[in-house]
Amino acid sequence: MSTSFAAVVEEVQKLSVEEKEELRHLLDKYLIETRREEIYQHYIESKSAEKEGKLFTPKDNNDLRKWLEG
């Protein structure tokens, strides 16, 4: 991206209230899409780890506590 963040912020400040609201809506939508993709990628990685037998599944709270403590 050749435009600096500061320049983008300056341009946003010049927008009308309606344009700023639309921009906020679009940013929220993009952030949600990005987060969904991250969650999906973690799901794929977990399924792969499960198939390879690398996924840790604690039997109880004590088992989990031991794993967390190293």
PDB file of N, CA and C in Angstrom:
ATOM      1  N   MET A   1       0.854  -1.175   0.000  1.00  0.00           N
ATOM      2  CA  MET A   1       0.000   0.000   0.000  1.00  0.00           C
ATOM      3  C   MET A   1       0.895   1.233   0.000  1.00  0.00           C
ATOM      4  N   SER A   2       0.767   2.057  -0.992  1.00  0.00           N
ATOM      5  CA  SER A   2       1.635   3.221  -1.107  1.00  0.00           C
ATOM      6  C   SER A   2       1.132   4.412  -0.294  1.00  0.00           C
ATOM      7  N   THR A   3      -0.141   4.431   0.038  1.00  0.00           N
ATOM      8  CA  THR A   3      -0.699   5.519   0.832  1.00  0.00           C
ATOM      9  C   THR A   3      -0.427   5.246   2.304  1.00  0.00           C
ATOM     10  N   SER A   4       0.085   6.257   2.994  1.00  0.00           N
ATOM     11  CA  SER A   4       0.381   6.054   4.414  1.00  0.00           C
ATOM     12  C   SER A   4      -0.908   6.037   5.228  1.00  0.00           C
ATOM     13  N   PHE A   5      -0.816   5.439   6.399  1.00  0.00           N
ATOM     14  CA  PHE A   5      -1.961   5.366   7.293  1.00  0.00           C
ATOM     15  C   PHE A   5      -2.429   6.764   7.667  1.00  0.00           C
ATOM     16  N   ALA A   6      -1.489   7.647   7.946  1.00  0.00           N
ATOM     17  CA  ALA A   6      -1.836   9.013   8.316  1.00  0.00           C
ATOM     18  C   ALA A   6      -2.618   9.705   7.204  1.00  0.00           C
ATOM     19  N   ALA A   7      -2.235   9.457   5.952  1.00  0.00           N
ATOM     20  CA  ALA A   7      -2.940  10.056   4.822  1.00  0.00           C
ATOM     21  C   ALA A   7      -4.362   9.509   4.725  1.00  0.00           C
ATOM     22  N   VAL A   8      -4.504   8.236   4.980  1.00  0.00           N
ATOM     23  CA  VAL A   8      -5.835   7.626   4.949  1.00  0.00           C
ATOM     24  C   VAL A   8      -6.706   8.238   6.043  1.00  0.00           C
ATOM     25  N   VAL A   9      -6.154   8.389   7.235  1.00  0.00           N
ATOM     26  CA  VAL A   9      -6.901   8.980   8.346  1.00  0.00           C
ATOM     27  C   VAL A   9      -7.322  10.405   7.998  1.00  0.00           C
ATOM     28  N   GLU A  10      -6.434  11.150   7.396  1.00  0.00           N
ATOM     29  CA  GLU A  10      -6.765  12.517   6.978  1.00  0.00           C
ATOM     30  C   GLU A  10      -7.933  12.528   5.999  1.00  0.00           C
ATOM     31  N   GLU A  11      -7.889  11.609   5.038  1.00  0.00           N
ATOM     32  CA  GLU A  11      -8.963  11.543   4.040  1.00  0.00           C
ATOM     33  C   GLU A  11     -10.281  11.141   4.690  1.00  0.00           C
ATOM     34  N   VAL A  12     -10.235  10.229   5.639  1.00  0.00           N
ATOM     35  CA  VAL A  12     -11.452   9.793   6.324  1.00  0.00           C
ATOM     36  C   VAL A  12     -12.069  10.960   7.079  1.00  0.00           C
ATOM     37  N   GLN A  13     -11.245  11.776   7.684  1.00  0.00           N
ATOM     38  CA  GLN A  13     -11.750  12.937   8.427  1.00  0.00           C
ATOM     39  C   GLN A  13     -12.517  13.891   7.522  1.00  0.00           C
ATOM     40  N   LYS A  14     -12.211  13.909   6.249  1.00  0.00           N
ATOM     41  CA  LYS A  14     -12.866  14.808   5.290  1.00  0.00           C
ATOM     42  C   LYS A  14     -14.226  14.275   4.822  1.00  0.00           C
ATOM     43  N   LEU A  15     -14.516  13.020   5.089  1.00  0.00           N
ATOM     44  CA  LEU A  15     -15.761  12.417   4.620  1.00  0.00           C
ATOM     45  C   LEU A  15     -16.966  12.971   5.373  1.00  0.00           C
ATOM     46  N   SER A  16     -18.117  12.867   4.739  1.00  0.00           N
ATOM     47  CA  SER A  16     -19.368  13.239   5.413  1.00  0.00           C
ATOM     48  C   SER A  16     -19.707  12.175   6.457  1.00  0.00           C
ATOM     49  N   VAL A  17     -20.642  12.498   7.319  1.00  0.00           N
ATOM     50  CA  VAL A  17     -21.070  11.551   8.352  1.00  0.00           C
ATOM     51  C   VAL A  17     -21.588  10.269   7.705  1.00  0.00           C
ATOM     52  N   GLU A  18     -22.371  10.400   6.655  1.00  0.00           N
ATOM     53  CA  GLU A  18     -22.926   9.225   5.977  1.00  0.00           C
ATOM     54  C   GLU A  18     -21.809   8.354   5.392  1.00  0.00           C
ATOM     55  N   GLU A  19     -20.818   8.996   4.794  1.00  0.00           N
ATOM     56  CA  GLU A  19     -19.696   8.246   4.223  1.00  0.00           C
ATOM     57  C   GLU A  19     -18.886   7.552   5.308  1.00  0.00           C
ATOM     58  N   LYS A  20     -18.694   8.225   6.431  1.00  0.00           N
ATOM     59  CA  LYS A  20     -17.975   7.608   7.553  1.00  0.00           C
ATOM     60  C   LYS A  20     -18.735   6.402   8.095  1.00  0.00           C
ATOM     61  N   GLU A  21     -20.045   6.515   8.173  1.00  0.00           N
ATOM     62  CA  GLU A  21     -20.856   5.384   8.638  1.00  0.00           C
ATOM     63  C   GLU A  21     -20.766   4.217   7.670  1.00  0.00           C
ATOM     64  N   GLU A  22     -20.797   4.508   6.383  1.00  0.00           N
ATOM     65  CA  GLU A  22     -20.661   3.448   5.379  1.00  0.00           C
ATOM     66  C   GLU A  22     -19.280   2.809   5.454  1.00  0.00           C
ATOM     67  N   LEU A  23     -18.263   3.627   5.637  1.00  0.00           N
ATOM     68  CA  LEU A  23     -16.902   3.104   5.787  1.00  0.00           C
ATOM     69  C   LEU A  23     -16.798   2.216   7.012  1.00  0.00           C
ATOM     70  N   ARG A  24     -17.392   2.649   8.124  1.00  0.00           N
ATOM     71  CA  ARG A  24     -17.391   1.827   9.344  1.00  0.00           C
ATOM     72  C   ARG A  24     -18.093   0.495   9.089  1.00  0.00           C
ATOM     73  N   HIS A  25     -19.209   0.548   8.385  1.00  0.00           N
ATOM     74  CA  HIS A  25     -19.936  -0.681   8.060  1.00  0.00           C
ATOM     75  C   HIS A  25     -19.050  -1.626   7.238  1.00  0.00           C
ATOM     76  N   LEU A  26     -18.381  -1.068   6.233  1.00  0.00           N
ATOM     77  CA  LEU A  26     -17.508  -1.885   5.387  1.00  0.00           C
ATOM     78  C   LEU A  26     -16.336  -2.465   6.182  1.00  0.00           C
ATOM     79  N   LEU A  27     -15.727  -1.652   7.036  1.00  0.00           N
ATOM     80  CA  LEU A  27     -14.615  -2.139   7.854  1.00  0.00           C
ATOM     81  C   LEU A  27     -15.065  -3.250   8.791  1.00  0.00           C
ATOM     82  N   ASP A  28     -16.230  -3.069   9.412  1.00  0.00           N
ATOM     83  CA  ASP A  28     -16.767  -4.123  10.280  1.00  0.00           C
ATOM     84  C   ASP A  28     -16.959  -5.413   9.493  1.00  0.00           C
ATOM     85  N   LYS A  29     -17.512  -5.289   8.304  1.00  0.00           N
ATOM     86  CA  LYS A  29     -17.737  -6.455   7.441  1.00  0.00           C
ATOM     87  C   LYS A  29     -16.416  -7.128   7.086  1.00  0.00           C
ATOM     88  N   TYR A  30     -15.403  -6.339   6.702  1.00  0.00           N
ATOM     89  CA  TYR A  30     -14.096  -6.899   6.341  1.00  0.00           C
ATOM     90  C   TYR A  30     -13.432  -7.578   7.537  1.00  0.00           C
ATOM     91  N   LEU A  31     -13.565  -6.969   8.709  1.00  0.00           N
ATOM     92  CA  LEU A  31     -12.971  -7.559   9.917  1.00  0.00           C
ATOM     93  C   LEU A  31     -13.648  -8.883  10.273  1.00  0.00           C
ATOM     94  N   ILE A  32     -14.958  -8.935  10.110  1.00  0.00           N
ATOM     95  CA  ILE A  32     -15.698 -10.172  10.376  1.00  0.00           C
ATOM     96  C   ILE A  32     -15.260 -11.258   9.395  1.00  0.00           C
ATOM     97  N   GLU A  33     -15.149 -10.911   8.129  1.00  0.00           N
ATOM     98  CA  GLU A  33     -14.714 -11.881   7.115  1.00  0.00           C
ATOM     99  C   GLU A  33     -13.304 -12.393   7.414  1.00  0.00           C
ATOM    100  N   THR A  34     -12.417 -11.486   7.817  1.00  0.00           N
ATOM    101  CA  THR A  34     -11.046 -11.873   8.143  1.00  0.00           C
ATOM    102  C   THR A  34     -11.028 -12.816   9.336  1.00  0.00           C
ATOM    103  N   ARG A  35     -11.786 -12.489  10.358  1.00  0.00           N
ATOM    104  CA  ARG A  35     -11.828 -13.333  11.554  1.00  0.00           C
ATOM    105  C   ARG A  35     -12.422 -14.709  11.233  1.00  0.00           C
ATOM    106  N   ARG A  36     -13.451 -14.753  10.423  1.00  0.00           N
ATOM    107  CA  ARG A  36     -14.039 -16.037  10.019  1.00  0.00           C
ATOM    108  C   ARG A  36     -13.009 -16.904   9.298  1.00  0.00           C
ATOM    109  N   GLU A  37     -12.224 -16.280   8.429  1.00  0.00           N
ATOM    110  CA  GLU A  37     -11.190 -17.016   7.702  1.00  0.00           C
ATOM    111  C   GLU A  37     -10.136 -17.546   8.664  1.00  0.00           C
ATOM    112  N   GLU A  38      -9.759 -16.748   9.659  1.00  0.00           N
ATOM    113  CA  GLU A  38      -8.790 -17.205  10.665  1.00  0.00           C
ATOM    114  C   GLU A  38      -9.333 -18.406  11.438  1.00  0.00           C
ATOM    115  N   ILE A  39     -10.589 -18.313  11.844  1.00  0.00           N
ATOM    116  CA  ILE A  39     -11.227 -19.412  12.583  1.00  0.00           C
ATOM    117  C   ILE A  39     -11.262 -20.661  11.718  1.00  0.00           C
ATOM    118  N   TYR A  40     -11.607 -20.505  10.443  1.00  0.00           N
ATOM    119  CA  TYR A  40     -11.660 -21.651   9.533  1.00  0.00           C
ATOM    120  C   TYR A  40     -10.277 -22.283   9.375  1.00  0.00           C
ATOM    121  N   GLN A  41      -9.248 -21.454   9.223  1.00  0.00           N
ATOM    122  CA  GLN A  41      -7.885 -21.979   9.083  1.00  0.00           C
ATOM    123  C   GLN A  41      -7.461 -22.736  10.341  1.00  0.00           C
ATOM    124  N   HIS A  42      -7.817 -22.231  11.522  1.00  0.00           N
ATOM    125  CA  HIS A  42      -7.510 -22.943  12.764  1.00  0.00           C
ATOM    126  C   HIS A  42      -8.249 -24.284  12.821  1.00  0.00           C
ATOM    127  N   TYR A  43      -9.475 -24.289  12.333  1.00  0.00           N
ATOM    128  CA  TYR A  43     -10.250 -25.532  12.274  1.00  0.00           C
ATOM    129  C   TYR A  43      -9.546 -26.549  11.376  1.00  0.00           C
ATOM    130  N   ILE A  44      -9.105 -26.110  10.196  1.00  0.00           N
ATOM    131  CA  ILE A  44      -8.410 -27.005   9.256  1.00  0.00           C
ATOM    132  C   ILE A  44      -7.141 -27.551   9.894  1.00  0.00           C
ATOM    133  N   GLU A  45      -6.381 -26.684  10.558  1.00  0.00           N
ATOM    134  CA  GLU A  45      -5.142 -27.111  11.217  1.00  0.00           C
ATOM    135  C   GLU A  45      -5.440 -28.122  12.329  1.00  0.00           C
ATOM    136  N   SER A  46      -6.495 -27.891  13.081  1.00  0.00           N
ATOM    137  CA  SER A  46      -6.868 -28.806  14.166  1.00  0.00           C
ATOM    138  C   SER A  46      -7.299 -30.165  13.627  1.00  0.00           C
ATOM    139  N   LYS A  47      -8.075 -30.153  12.550  1.00  0.00           N
ATOM    140  CA  LYS A  47      -8.498 -31.424  11.950  1.00  0.00           C
ATOM    141  C   LYS A  47      -7.291 -32.204  11.448  1.00  0.00           C
ATOM    142  N   SER A  48      -6.326 -31.514  10.867  1.00  0.00           N
ATOM    143  CA  SER A  48      -5.108 -32.155  10.381  1.00  0.00           C
ATOM    144  C   SER A  48      -4.303 -32.734  11.544  1.00  0.00           C
ATOM    145  N   ALA A  49      -4.176 -31.966  12.616  1.00  0.00           N
ATOM    146  CA  ALA A  49      -3.451 -32.433  13.802  1.00  0.00           C
ATOM    147  C   ALA A  49      -4.152 -33.637  14.417  1.00  0.00           C
ATOM    148  N   GLU A  50      -5.469 -33.627  14.401  1.00  0.00           N
ATOM    149  CA  GLU A  50      -6.242 -34.749  14.940  1.00  0.00           C
ATOM    150  C   GLU A  50      -5.978 -36.016  14.129  1.00  0.00           C
ATOM    151  N   LYS A  51      -5.995 -35.900  12.814  1.00  0.00           N
ATOM    152  CA  LYS A  51      -5.745 -37.048  11.948  1.00  0.00           C
ATOM    153  C   LYS A  51      -4.348 -37.618  12.152  1.00  0.00           C
ATOM    154  N   GLU A  52      -3.376 -36.727  12.435  1.00  0.00           N
ATOM    155  CA  GLU A  52      -1.992 -37.153  12.632  1.00  0.00           C
ATOM    156  C   GLU A  52      -1.714 -37.598  14.066  1.00  0.00           C
ATOM    157  N   GLY A  53      -2.738 -37.514  14.920  1.00  0.00           N
ATOM    158  CA  GLY A  53      -2.568 -37.917  16.311  1.00  0.00           C
ATOM    159  C   GLY A  53      -1.782 -36.915  17.133  1.00  0.00           C
ATOM    160  N   LYS A  54      -1.709 -35.669  16.686  1.00  0.00           N
ATOM    161  CA  LYS A  54      -0.951 -34.636  17.374  1.00  0.00           C
ATOM    162  C   LYS A  54      -1.835 -33.710  18.212  1.00  0.00           C
ATOM    163  N   LEU A  55      -3.122 -33.943  18.226  1.00  0.00           N
ATOM    164  CA  LEU A  55      -4.047 -33.073  18.936  1.00  0.00           C
ATOM    165  C   LEU A  55      -4.194 -33.557  20.377  1.00  0.00           C
ATOM    166  N   PHE A  56      -3.897 -32.679  21.326  1.00  0.00           N
ATOM    167  CA  PHE A  56      -4.003 -33.043  22.738  1.00  0.00           C
ATOM    168  C   PHE A  56      -5.451 -32.922  23.187  1.00  0.00           C
ATOM    169  N   THR A  57      -5.967 -33.976  23.786  1.00  0.00           N
ATOM    170  CA  THR A  57      -7.311 -33.974  24.333  1.00  0.00           C
ATOM    171  C   THR A  57      -7.232 -34.405  25.788  1.00  0.00           C
ATOM    172  N   PRO A  58      -7.387 -33.477  26.724  1.00  0.00           N
ATOM    173  CA  PRO A  58      -7.285 -33.835  28.141  1.00  0.00           C
ATOM    174  C   PRO A  58      -8.441 -34.737  28.569  1.00  0.00           C
ATOM    175  N   LYS A  59      -8.131 -35.663  29.484  1.00  0.00           N
ATOM    176  CA  LYS A  59      -9.159 -36.577  29.991  1.00  0.00           C
ATOM    177  C   LYS A  59      -9.993 -35.917  31.078  1.00  0.00           C
ATOM    178  N   ASP A  60      -9.351 -35.028  31.851  1.00  0.00           N
ATOM    179  CA  ASP A  60     -10.036 -34.326  32.932  1.00  0.00           C
ATOM    180  C   ASP A  60      -9.274 -33.037  33.247  1.00  0.00           C
ATOM    181  N   ASN A  61      -9.748 -32.312  34.264  1.00  0.00           N
ATOM    182  CA  ASN A  61      -9.119 -31.036  34.625  1.00  0.00           C
ATOM    183  C   ASN A  61      -7.675 -31.210  35.073  1.00  0.00           C
ATOM    184  N   ASN A  62      -7.385 -32.284  35.796  1.00  0.00           N
ATOM    185  CA  ASN A  62      -6.017 -32.520  36.253  1.00  0.00           C
ATOM    186  C   ASN A  62      -5.085 -32.753  35.065  1.00  0.00           C
ATOM    187  N   ASP A  63      -5.549 -33.490  34.094  1.00  0.00           N
ATOM    188  CA  ASP A  63      -4.761 -33.762  32.886  1.00  0.00           C
ATOM    189  C   ASP A  63      -4.474 -32.438  32.143  1.00  0.00           C
ATOM    190  N   LEU A  64      -5.479 -31.595  32.046  1.00  0.00           N
ATOM    191  CA  LEU A  64      -5.318 -30.301  31.413  1.00  0.00           C
ATOM    192  C   LEU A  64      -4.342 -29.431  32.201  1.00  0.00           C
ATOM    193  N   ARG A  65      -4.477 -29.420  33.509  1.00  0.00           N
ATOM    194  CA  ARG A  65      -3.608 -28.612  34.363  1.00  0.00           C
ATOM    195  C   ARG A  65      -2.145 -29.034  34.196  1.00  0.00           C
ATOM    196  N   LYS A  66      -1.889 -30.341  34.169  1.00  0.00           N
ATOM    197  CA  LYS A  66      -0.522 -30.843  33.986  1.00  0.00           C
ATOM    198  C   LYS A  66       0.042 -30.407  32.632  1.00  0.00           C
ATOM    199  N   TRP A  67      -0.789 -30.474  31.614  1.00  0.00           N
ATOM    200  CA  TRP A  67      -0.338 -30.085  30.271  1.00  0.00           C
ATOM    201  C   TRP A  67      -0.024 -28.595  30.227  1.00  0.00           C
ATOM    202  N   LEU A  68      -0.869 -27.769  30.865  1.00  0.00           N
ATOM    203  CA  LEU A  68      -0.655 -26.333  30.864  1.00  0.00           C
ATOM    204  C   LEU A  68       0.599 -25.934  31.631  1.00  0.00           C
ATOM    205  N   GLU A  69       0.911 -26.687  32.671  1.00  0.00           N
ATOM    206  CA  GLU A  69       2.093 -26.388  33.488  1.00  0.00           C
ATOM    207  C   GLU A  69       3.384 -26.874  32.834  1.00  0.00           C
ATOM    208  N   GLY A  70       3.251 -27.656  31.793  1.00  0.00           N
ATOM    209  CA  GLY A  70       4.436 -28.111  31.050  1.00  0.00           C
ATOM    210  C   GLY A  70       4.812 -29.462  31.484  1.00  0.00           C
TER     211      GLY A  70
END
